[in-house]
Amino acid sequence: MKILTGNDLGTGDVIWWAGDGWSRQVGDSVDVGDKGEDLARAEEAALRVVGAYVIDATVTEEGVRPAHIKDRIRALGPTVRPDLTLKPNDADAGNWVI
């Protein structure tokens, strides 16, 4: 599965392409297939996202899980304090980075 991520141009938040717009929750991500790069360029040109890129992900019973550790960390939100993380629906998400 290929998903699209980037940062919200206004807030800097990590966002994920949900098929009909952007979401702060990785679990809302949809497979962009081979159209991800074109979609990233179009969304950046429309000034809705900055730094958009396509990543590999898998779908588990708990939802969408980024394949690379960097993007798993991004999905959890700020790393300064555990109480500031986004708490994805995946109950095991805290173990993604271990």
PDB file of N, CA and C in Angstrom:
ATOM      1  N   MET A   1       0.847  -1.175   0.000  1.00  0.00           N
ATOM      2  CA  MET A   1       0.000   0.000   0.000  1.00  0.00           C
ATOM      3  C   MET A   1       0.890   1.234   0.000  1.00  0.00           C
ATOM      4  N   LYS A   2       0.516   2.223  -0.787  1.00  0.00           N
ATOM      5  CA  LYS A   2       1.218   3.508  -0.832  1.00  0.00           C
ATOM      6  C   LYS A   2       0.282   4.574  -0.277  1.00  0.00           C
ATOM      7  N   ILE A   3       0.795   5.379   0.657  1.00  0.00           N
ATOM      8  CA  ILE A   3      -0.002   6.475   1.205  1.00  0.00           C
ATOM      9  C   ILE A   3       0.775   7.772   1.063  1.00  0.00           C
ATOM     10  N   LEU A   4       0.066   8.876   1.181  1.00  0.00           N
ATOM     11  CA  LEU A   4       0.652  10.196   0.986  1.00  0.00           C
ATOM     12  C   LEU A   4       0.638  10.959   2.301  1.00  0.00           C
ATOM     13  N   THR A   5       1.773  11.565   2.621  1.00  0.00           N
ATOM     14  CA  THR A   5       1.882  12.365   3.838  1.00  0.00           C
ATOM     15  C   THR A   5       2.594  13.670   3.525  1.00  0.00           C
ATOM     16  N   GLY A   6       2.484  14.597   4.425  1.00  0.00           N
ATOM     17  CA  GLY A   6       3.142  15.894   4.301  1.00  0.00           C
ATOM     18  C   GLY A   6       2.847  16.702   5.546  1.00  0.00           C
ATOM     19  N   ASN A   7       2.998  17.999   5.434  1.00  0.00           N
ATOM     20  CA  ASN A   7       2.705  18.887   6.559  1.00  0.00           C
ATOM     21  C   ASN A   7       1.702  19.943   6.125  1.00  0.00           C
ATOM     22  N   ASP A   8       0.770  20.242   7.019  1.00  0.00           N
ATOM     23  CA  ASP A   8      -0.221  21.281   6.776  1.00  0.00           C
ATOM     24  C   ASP A   8       0.500  22.614   6.617  1.00  0.00           C
ATOM     25  N   LEU A   9       0.211  23.319   5.562  1.00  0.00           N
ATOM     26  CA  LEU A   9       0.906  24.570   5.270  1.00  0.00           C
ATOM     27  C   LEU A   9       0.657  25.632   6.329  1.00  0.00           C
ATOM     28  N   GLY A  10      -0.518  25.646   6.915  1.00  0.00           N
ATOM     29  CA  GLY A  10      -0.852  26.668   7.905  1.00  0.00           C
ATOM     30  C   GLY A  10      -0.376  26.370   9.312  1.00  0.00           C
ATOM     31  N   THR A  11      -0.444  25.091   9.710  1.00  0.00           N
ATOM     32  CA  THR A  11      -0.134  24.736  11.101  1.00  0.00           C
ATOM     33  C   THR A  11       1.169  23.984  11.281  1.00  0.00           C
ATOM     34  N   GLY A  12       1.653  23.363  10.213  1.00  0.00           N
ATOM     35  CA  GLY A  12       2.844  22.531  10.315  1.00  0.00           C
ATOM     36  C   GLY A  12       2.551  21.115  10.768  1.00  0.00           C
ATOM     37  N   ASP A  13       1.284  20.817  11.080  1.00  0.00           N
ATOM     38  CA  ASP A  13       0.913  19.478  11.537  1.00  0.00           C
ATOM     39  C   ASP A  13       1.218  18.433  10.474  1.00  0.00           C
ATOM     40  N   VAL A  14       1.578  17.240  10.917  1.00  0.00           N
ATOM     41  CA  VAL A  14       1.712  16.100  10.019  1.00  0.00           C
ATOM     42  C   VAL A  14       0.307  15.719   9.566  1.00  0.00           C
ATOM     43  N   ILE A  15       0.149  15.539   8.255  1.00  0.00           N
ATOM     44  CA  ILE A  15      -1.160  15.185   7.714  1.00  0.00           C
ATOM     45  C   ILE A  15      -1.025  14.028   6.730  1.00  0.00           C
ATOM     46  N   TRP A  16      -2.148  13.342   6.516  1.00  0.00           N
ATOM     47  CA  TRP A  16      -2.210  12.134   5.699  1.00  0.00           C
ATOM     48  C   TRP A  16      -3.368  12.268   4.718  1.00  0.00           C
ATOM     49  N   TRP A  17      -3.149  11.856   3.454  1.00  0.00           N
ATOM     50  CA  TRP A  17      -4.193  11.964   2.449  1.00  0.00           C
ATOM     51  C   TRP A  17      -5.283  10.937   2.744  1.00  0.00           C
ATOM     52  N   ALA A  18      -6.528  11.413   2.863  1.00  0.00           N
ATOM     53  CA  ALA A  18      -7.659  10.560   3.225  1.00  0.00           C
ATOM     54  C   ALA A  18      -8.593  10.286   2.042  1.00  0.00           C
ATOM     55  N   GLY A  19      -8.196  10.661   0.857  1.00  0.00           N
ATOM     56  CA  GLY A  19      -9.003  10.398  -0.330  1.00  0.00           C
ATOM     57  C   GLY A  19      -9.833  11.582  -0.780  1.00  0.00           C
ATOM     58  N   ASP A  20     -10.353  12.333   0.182  1.00  0.00           N
ATOM     59  CA  ASP A  20     -11.164  13.505  -0.153  1.00  0.00           C
ATOM     60  C   ASP A  20     -10.640  14.749   0.555  1.00  0.00           C
ATOM     61  N   GLY A  21      -9.429  14.671   1.030  1.00  0.00           N
ATOM     62  CA  GLY A  21      -8.805  15.765   1.765  1.00  0.00           C
ATOM     63  C   GLY A  21      -7.751  15.209   2.705  1.00  0.00           C
ATOM     64  N   TRP A  22      -7.275  16.041   3.601  1.00  0.00           N
ATOM     65  CA  TRP A  22      -6.195  15.674   4.514  1.00  0.00           C
ATOM     66  C   TRP A  22      -6.719  15.429   5.923  1.00  0.00           C
ATOM     67  N   SER A  23      -6.036  14.542   6.640  1.00  0.00           N
ATOM     68  CA  SER A  23      -6.406  14.206   8.009  1.00  0.00           C
ATOM     69  C   SER A  23      -5.157  14.191   8.885  1.00  0.00           C
ATOM     70  N   ARG A  24      -5.314  14.474  10.159  1.00  0.00           N
ATOM     71  CA  ARG A  24      -4.205  14.368  11.111  1.00  0.00           C
ATOM     72  C   ARG A  24      -4.023  12.931  11.600  1.00  0.00           C
ATOM     73  N   GLN A  25      -4.928  12.036  11.230  1.00  0.00           N
ATOM     74  CA  GLN A  25      -4.881  10.648  11.692  1.00  0.00           C
ATOM     75  C   GLN A  25      -4.406   9.714  10.582  1.00  0.00           C
ATOM     76  N   VAL A  26      -3.314   9.007  10.822  1.00  0.00           N
ATOM     77  CA  VAL A  26      -2.780   8.086   9.829  1.00  0.00           C
ATOM     78  C   VAL A  26      -3.800   7.009   9.471  1.00  0.00           C
ATOM     79  N   GLY A  27      -4.656   6.654  10.398  1.00  0.00           N
ATOM     80  CA  GLY A  27      -5.663   5.635  10.137  1.00  0.00           C
ATOM     81  C   GLY A  27      -6.677   6.023   9.080  1.00  0.00           C
ATOM     82  N   ASP A  28      -6.756   7.290   8.753  1.00  0.00           N
ATOM     83  CA  ASP A  28      -7.665   7.768   7.707  1.00  0.00           C
ATOM     84  C   ASP A  28      -7.045   7.673   6.313  1.00  0.00           C
ATOM     85  N   SER A  29      -5.781   7.285   6.233  1.00  0.00           N
ATOM     86  CA  SER A  29      -5.068   7.238   4.951  1.00  0.00           C
ATOM     87  C   SER A  29      -5.703   6.246   3.992  1.00  0.00           C
ATOM     88  N   VAL A  30      -5.625   6.579   2.712  1.00  0.00           N
ATOM     89  CA  VAL A  30      -6.088   5.681   1.655  1.00  0.00           C
ATOM     90  C   VAL A  30      -4.923   5.377   0.719  1.00  0.00           C
ATOM     91  N   ASP A  31      -5.016   4.260   0.042  1.00  0.00           N
ATOM     92  CA  ASP A  31      -3.995   3.845  -0.914  1.00  0.00           C
ATOM     93  C   ASP A  31      -4.031   4.779  -2.125  1.00  0.00           C
ATOM     94  N   VAL A  32      -2.898   5.430  -2.418  1.00  0.00           N
ATOM     95  CA  VAL A  32      -2.829   6.332  -3.571  1.00  0.00           C
ATOM     96  C   VAL A  32      -2.243   5.649  -4.793  1.00  0.00           C
ATOM     97  N   GLY A  33      -1.762   4.425  -4.623  1.00  0.00           N
ATOM     98  CA  GLY A  33      -1.224   3.667  -5.745  1.00  0.00           C
ATOM     99  C   GLY A  33      -0.151   4.429  -6.495  1.00  0.00           C
ATOM    100  N   ASP A  34      -0.215   4.370  -7.824  1.00  0.00           N
ATOM    101  CA  ASP A  34       0.802   5.042  -8.644  1.00  0.00           C
ATOM    102  C   ASP A  34       0.454   6.506  -8.924  1.00  0.00           C
ATOM    103  N   LYS A  35      -0.602   7.011  -8.337  1.00  0.00           N
ATOM    104  CA  LYS A  35      -1.012   8.406  -8.540  1.00  0.00           C
ATOM    105  C   LYS A  35      -0.513   9.334  -7.430  1.00  0.00           C
ATOM    106  N   GLY A  36       0.232   8.796  -6.484  1.00  0.00           N
ATOM    107  CA  GLY A  36       0.666   9.568  -5.328  1.00  0.00           C
ATOM    108  C   GLY A  36       1.529  10.772  -5.649  1.00  0.00           C
ATOM    109  N   GLU A  37       2.499  10.607  -6.535  1.00  0.00           N
ATOM    110  CA  GLU A  37       3.398  11.718  -6.863  1.00  0.00           C
ATOM    111  C   GLU A  37       2.637  12.857  -7.544  1.00  0.00           C
ATOM    112  N   ASP A  38       1.742  12.503  -8.464  1.00  0.00           N
ATOM    113  CA  ASP A  38       0.936  13.533  -9.136  1.00  0.00           C
ATOM    114  C   ASP A  38       0.027  14.245  -8.140  1.00  0.00           C
ATOM    115  N   LEU A  39      -0.560  13.482  -7.244  1.00  0.00           N
ATOM    116  CA  LEU A  39      -1.432  14.057  -6.222  1.00  0.00           C
ATOM    117  C   LEU A  39      -0.644  14.985  -5.303  1.00  0.00           C
ATOM    118  N   ALA A  40       0.556  14.570  -4.920  1.00  0.00           N
ATOM    119  CA  ALA A  40       1.404  15.403  -4.055  1.00  0.00           C
ATOM    120  C   ALA A  40       1.704  16.741  -4.729  1.00  0.00           C
ATOM    121  N   ARG A  41       2.079  16.702  -6.005  1.00  0.00           N
ATOM    122  CA  ARG A  41       2.374  17.942  -6.735  1.00  0.00           C
ATOM    123  C   ARG A  41       1.143  18.846  -6.824  1.00  0.00           C
ATOM    124  N   ALA A  42      -0.015  18.253  -7.106  1.00  0.00           N
ATOM    125  CA  ALA A  42      -1.243  19.047  -7.232  1.00  0.00           C
ATOM    126  C   ALA A  42      -1.628  19.688  -5.901  1.00  0.00           C
ATOM    127  N   GLU A  43      -1.512  18.945  -4.814  1.00  0.00           N
ATOM    128  CA  GLU A  43      -1.873  19.479  -3.500  1.00  0.00           C
ATOM    129  C   GLU A  43      -0.890  20.566  -3.051  1.00  0.00           C
ATOM    130  N   GLU A  44       0.395  20.391  -3.375  1.00  0.00           N
ATOM    131  CA  GLU A  44       1.373  21.435  -3.051  1.00  0.00           C
ATOM    132  C   GLU A  44       1.111  22.688  -3.882  1.00  0.00           C
ATOM    133  N   ALA A  45       0.788  22.510  -5.161  1.00  0.00           N
ATOM    134  CA  ALA A  45       0.503  23.658  -6.030  1.00  0.00           C
ATOM    135  C   ALA A  45      -0.732  24.421  -5.547  1.00  0.00           C
ATOM    136  N   ALA A  46      -1.682  23.711  -4.954  1.00  0.00           N
ATOM    137  CA  ALA A  46      -2.900  24.342  -4.430  1.00  0.00           C
ATOM    138  C   ALA A  46      -2.683  24.922  -3.033  1.00  0.00           C
ATOM    139  N   LEU A  47      -1.449  24.826  -2.537  1.00  0.00           N
ATOM    140  CA  LEU A  47      -1.064  25.368  -1.226  1.00  0.00           C
ATOM    141  C   LEU A  47      -1.850  24.759  -0.062  1.00  0.00           C
ATOM    142  N   ARG A  48      -2.145  23.459  -0.181  1.00  0.00           N
ATOM    143  CA  ARG A  48      -2.832  22.767   0.912  1.00  0.00           C
ATOM    144  C   ARG A  48      -1.878  21.945   1.769  1.00  0.00           C
ATOM    145  N   VAL A  49      -0.670  21.698   1.248  1.00  0.00           N
ATOM    146  CA  VAL A  49       0.301  20.857   1.941  1.00  0.00           C
ATOM    147  C   VAL A  49       1.696  21.280   1.504  1.00  0.00           C
ATOM    148  N   VAL A  50       2.665  21.021   2.355  1.00  0.00           N
ATOM    149  CA  VAL A  50       4.060  21.270   2.021  1.00  0.00           C
ATOM    150  C   VAL A  50       4.847  19.993   2.324  1.00  0.00           C
ATOM    151  N   GLY A  51       5.837  19.713   1.484  1.00  0.00           N
ATOM    152  CA  GLY A  51       6.694  18.548   1.711  1.00  0.00           C
ATOM    153  C   GLY A  51       5.990  17.220   1.558  1.00  0.00           C
ATOM    154  N   ALA A  52       5.005  17.144   0.676  1.00  0.00           N
ATOM    155  CA  ALA A  52       4.248  15.899   0.497  1.00  0.00           C
ATOM    156  C   ALA A  52       5.112  14.835  -0.172  1.00  0.00           C
ATOM    157  N   TYR A  53       4.964  13.595   0.298  1.00  0.00           N
ATOM    158  CA  TYR A  53       5.683  12.478  -0.305  1.00  0.00           C
ATOM    159  C   TYR A  53       4.923  11.180  -0.060  1.00  0.00           C
ATOM    160  N   VAL A  54       5.199  10.197  -0.909  1.00  0.00           N
ATOM    161  CA  VAL A  54       4.544   8.896  -0.854  1.00  0.00           C
ATOM    162  C   VAL A  54       5.391   7.950  -0.009  1.00  0.00           C
ATOM    163  N   ILE A  55       4.715   7.170   0.839  1.00  0.00           N
ATOM    164  CA  ILE A  55       5.418   6.186   1.663  1.00  0.00           C
ATOM    165  C   ILE A  55       4.729   4.831   1.552  1.00  0.00           C
ATOM    166  N   ASP A  56       5.465   3.799   1.927  1.00  0.00           N
ATOM    167  CA  ASP A  56       4.892   2.462   2.031  1.00  0.00           C
ATOM    168  C   ASP A  56       4.204   2.317   3.373  1.00  0.00           C
ATOM    169  N   ALA A  57       3.122   1.557   3.383  1.00  0.00           N
ATOM    170  CA  ALA A  57       2.390   1.287   4.618  1.00  0.00           C
ATOM    171  C   ALA A  57       1.727  -0.076   4.497  1.00  0.00           C
ATOM    172  N   THR A  58       1.321  -0.601   5.630  1.00  0.00           N
ATOM    173  CA  THR A  58       0.566  -1.845   5.657  1.00  0.00           C
ATOM    174  C   THR A  58      -0.744  -1.602   6.393  1.00  0.00           C
ATOM    175  N   VAL A  59      -1.688  -2.480   6.141  1.00  0.00           N
ATOM    176  CA  VAL A  59      -2.957  -2.414   6.857  1.00  0.00           C
ATOM    177  C   VAL A  59      -3.021  -3.614   7.786  1.00  0.00           C
ATOM    178  N   THR A  60      -3.253  -3.348   9.060  1.00  0.00           N
ATOM    179  CA  THR A  60      -3.402  -4.402  10.057  1.00  0.00           C
ATOM    180  C   THR A  60      -4.839  -4.365  10.572  1.00  0.00           C
ATOM    181  N   GLU A  61      -5.149  -5.241  11.489  1.00  0.00           N
ATOM    182  CA  GLU A  61      -6.486  -5.224  12.095  1.00  0.00           C
ATOM    183  C   GLU A  61      -6.764  -3.887  12.765  1.00  0.00           C
ATOM    184  N   GLU A  62      -5.706  -3.241  13.248  1.00  0.00           N
ATOM    185  CA  GLU A  62      -5.850  -1.971  13.964  1.00  0.00           C
ATOM    186  C   GLU A  62      -5.893  -0.763  13.040  1.00  0.00           C
ATOM    187  N   GLY A  63      -5.516  -0.933  11.786  1.00  0.00           N
ATOM    188  CA  GLY A  63      -5.532   0.189  10.859  1.00  0.00           C
ATOM    189  C   GLY A  63      -4.268   0.291  10.035  1.00  0.00           C
ATOM    190  N   VAL A  64      -3.989   1.483   9.548  1.00  0.00           N
ATOM    191  CA  VAL A  64      -2.843   1.746   8.675  1.00  0.00           C
ATOM    192  C   VAL A  64      -1.592   1.945   9.519  1.00  0.00           C
ATOM    193  N   ARG A  65      -0.492   1.286   9.106  1.00  0.00           N
ATOM    194  CA  ARG A  65       0.779   1.419   9.816  1.00  0.00           C
ATOM    195  C   ARG A  65       1.875   1.759   8.808  1.00  0.00           C
ATOM    196  N   PRO A  66       2.512   2.932   8.941  1.00  0.00           N
ATOM    197  CA  PRO A  66       3.631   3.267   8.061  1.00  0.00           C
ATOM    198  C   PRO A  66       4.744   2.225   8.178  1.00  0.00           C
ATOM    199  N   ALA A  67       5.401   1.927   7.059  1.00  0.00           N
ATOM    200  CA  ALA A  67       6.438   0.898   7.044  1.00  0.00           C
ATOM    201  C   ALA A  67       7.747   1.373   7.669  1.00  0.00           C
ATOM    202  N   HIS A  68       8.073   2.628   7.521  1.00  0.00           N
ATOM    203  CA  HIS A  68       9.364   3.148   7.984  1.00  0.00           C
ATOM    204  C   HIS A  68       9.228   3.790   9.363  1.00  0.00           C
ATOM    205  N   ILE A  69      10.224   3.597  10.193  1.00  0.00           N
ATOM    206  CA  ILE A  69      10.215   4.115  11.563  1.00  0.00           C
ATOM    207  C   ILE A  69      10.001   5.630  11.607  1.00  0.00           C
ATOM    208  N   LYS A  70      10.609   6.361  10.680  1.00  0.00           N
ATOM    209  CA  LYS A  70      10.454   7.822  10.663  1.00  0.00           C
ATOM    210  C   LYS A  70       8.979   8.208  10.574  1.00  0.00           C
ATOM    211  N   ASP A  71       8.259   7.538   9.691  1.00  0.00           N
ATOM    212  CA  ASP A  71       6.857   7.890   9.489  1.00  0.00           C
ATOM    213  C   ASP A  71       5.967   7.352  10.603  1.00  0.00           C
ATOM    214  N   ARG A  72       6.373   6.294  11.269  1.00  0.00           N
ATOM    215  CA  ARG A  72       5.638   5.838  12.455  1.00  0.00           C
ATOM    216  C   ARG A  72       5.748   6.884  13.558  1.00  0.00           C
ATOM    217  N   ILE A  73       6.935   7.449  13.713  1.00  0.00           N
ATOM    218  CA  ILE A  73       7.133   8.505  14.709  1.00  0.00           C
ATOM    219  C   ILE A  73       6.296   9.728  14.341  1.00  0.00           C
ATOM    220  N   ARG A  74       6.305  10.112  13.063  1.00  0.00           N
ATOM    221  CA  ARG A  74       5.503  11.257  12.614  1.00  0.00           C
ATOM    222  C   ARG A  74       4.018  11.023  12.885  1.00  0.00           C
ATOM    223  N   ALA A  75       3.557   9.778  12.717  1.00  0.00           N
ATOM    224  CA  ALA A  75       2.141   9.456  12.927  1.00  0.00           C
ATOM    225  C   ALA A  75       1.724   9.624  14.381  1.00  0.00           C
ATOM    226  N   LEU A  76       2.669   9.475  15.296  1.00  0.00           N
ATOM    227  CA  LEU A  76       2.352   9.581  16.721  1.00  0.00           C
ATOM    228  C   LEU A  76       2.277  11.018  17.204  1.00  0.00           C
ATOM    229  N   GLY A  77       2.766  11.958  16.427  1.00  0.00           N
ATOM    230  CA  GLY A  77       2.682  13.363  16.821  1.00  0.00           C
ATOM    231  C   GLY A  77       3.936  13.840  17.528  1.00  0.00           C
ATOM    232  N   PRO A  78       3.843  14.931  18.258  1.00  0.00           N
ATOM    233  CA  PRO A  78       5.020  15.510  18.910  1.00  0.00           C
ATOM    234  C   PRO A  78       5.743  14.494  19.791  1.00  0.00           C
ATOM    235  N   THR A  79       7.064  14.568  19.787  1.00  0.00           N
ATOM    236  CA  THR A  79       7.858  13.619  20.572  1.00  0.00           C
ATOM    237  C   THR A  79       8.410  14.240  21.840  1.00  0.00           C
ATOM    238  N   VAL A  80       8.010  15.444  22.150  1.00  0.00           N
ATOM    239  CA  VAL A  80       8.564  16.113  23.324  1.00  0.00           C
ATOM    240  C   VAL A  80       8.034  15.543  24.631  1.00  0.00           C
ATOM    241  N   ARG A  81       6.755  15.129  24.644  1.00  0.00           N
ATOM    242  CA  ARG A  81       6.162  14.519  25.840  1.00  0.00           C
ATOM    243  C   ARG A  81       5.102  13.511  25.399  1.00  0.00           C
ATOM    244  N   PRO A  82       5.051  12.352  26.028  1.00  0.00           N
ATOM    245  CA  PRO A  82       4.071  11.337  25.630  1.00  0.00           C
ATOM    246  C   PRO A  82       2.622  11.821  25.708  1.00  0.00           C
ATOM    247  N   ASP A  83       2.310  12.737  26.603  1.00  0.00           N
ATOM    248  CA  ASP A  83       0.926  13.192  26.730  1.00  0.00           C
ATOM    249  C   ASP A  83       0.489  14.094  25.571  1.00  0.00           C
ATOM    250  N   LEU A  84       1.420  14.474  24.692  1.00  0.00           N
ATOM    251  CA  LEU A  84       1.076  15.304  23.537  1.00  0.00           C
ATOM    252  C   LEU A  84       0.876  14.498  22.260  1.00  0.00           C
ATOM    253  N   THR A  85       1.103  13.184  22.298  1.00  0.00           N
ATOM    254  CA  THR A  85       0.973  12.386  21.087  1.00  0.00           C
ATOM    255  C   THR A  85      -0.484  12.284  20.664  1.00  0.00           C
ATOM    256  N   LEU A  86      -0.699  11.913  19.399  1.00  0.00           N
ATOM    257  CA  LEU A  86      -2.035  11.900  18.820  1.00  0.00           C
ATOM    258  C   LEU A  86      -2.863  10.671  19.180  1.00  0.00           C
ATOM    259  N   LYS A  87      -2.259   9.644  19.719  1.00  0.00           N
ATOM    260  CA  LYS A  87      -2.972   8.430  20.122  1.00  0.00           C
ATOM    261  C   LYS A  87      -3.781   7.818  18.968  1.00  0.00           C
ATOM    262  N   PRO A  88      -3.090   7.235  17.974  1.00  0.00           N
ATOM    263  CA  PRO A  88      -3.820   6.577  16.889  1.00  0.00           C
ATOM    264  C   PRO A  88      -4.753   5.500  17.440  1.00  0.00           C
ATOM    265  N   ASN A  89      -5.716   5.095  16.653  1.00  0.00           N
ATOM    266  CA  ASN A  89      -6.667   4.073  17.082  1.00  0.00           C
ATOM    267  C   ASN A  89      -5.994   2.754  17.418  1.00  0.00           C
ATOM    268  N   ASP A  90      -4.817   2.516  16.869  1.00  0.00           N
ATOM    269  CA  ASP A  90      -4.081   1.284  17.123  1.00  0.00           C
ATOM    270  C   ASP A  90      -3.569   1.285  18.556  1.00  0.00           C
ATOM    271  N   ALA A  91      -4.096   0.410  19.388  1.00  0.00           N
ATOM    272  CA  ALA A  91      -3.697   0.351  20.798  1.00  0.00           C
ATOM    273  C   ALA A  91      -2.226   0.014  20.958  1.00  0.00           C
ATOM    274  N   ASP A  92      -1.634  -0.631  19.960  1.00  0.00           N
ATOM    275  CA  ASP A  92      -0.233  -1.021  20.019  1.00  0.00           C
ATOM    276  C   ASP A  92       0.682   0.046  19.420  1.00  0.00           C
ATOM    277  N   ALA A  93       0.153   1.200  19.051  1.00  0.00           N
ATOM    278  CA  ALA A  93       0.927   2.234  18.361  1.00  0.00           C
ATOM    279  C   ALA A  93       2.148   2.675  19.151  1.00  0.00           C
ATOM    280  N   GLY A  94       2.060   2.695  20.463  1.00  0.00           N
ATOM    281  CA  GLY A  94       3.202   3.092  21.275  1.00  0.00           C
ATOM    282  C   GLY A  94       4.397   2.188  21.102  1.00  0.00           C
ATOM    283  N   ASN A  95       4.174   0.964  20.643  1.00  0.00           N
ATOM    284  CA  ASN A  95       5.262   0.016  20.419  1.00  0.00           C
ATOM    285  C   ASN A  95       5.859   0.117  19.021  1.00  0.00           C
ATOM    286  N   TRP A  96       5.263   0.929  18.160  1.00  0.00           N
ATOM    287  CA  TRP A  96       5.768   1.059  16.796  1.00  0.00           C
ATOM    288  C   TRP A  96       7.212   1.513  16.750  1.00  0.00           C
ATOM    289  N   VAL A  97       7.610   2.350  17.669  1.00  0.00           N
ATOM    290  CA  VAL A  97       8.932   2.959  17.600  1.00  0.00           C
ATOM    291  C   VAL A  97       9.971   2.184  18.394  1.00  0.00           C
ATOM    292  N   ILE A  98       9.577   1.117  18.990  1.00  0.00           N
ATOM    293  CA  ILE A  98      10.505   0.317  19.804  1.00  0.00           C
ATOM    294  C   ILE A  98      11.044  -0.827  18.990  1.00  0.00           C
TER     295      ILE A  98
END
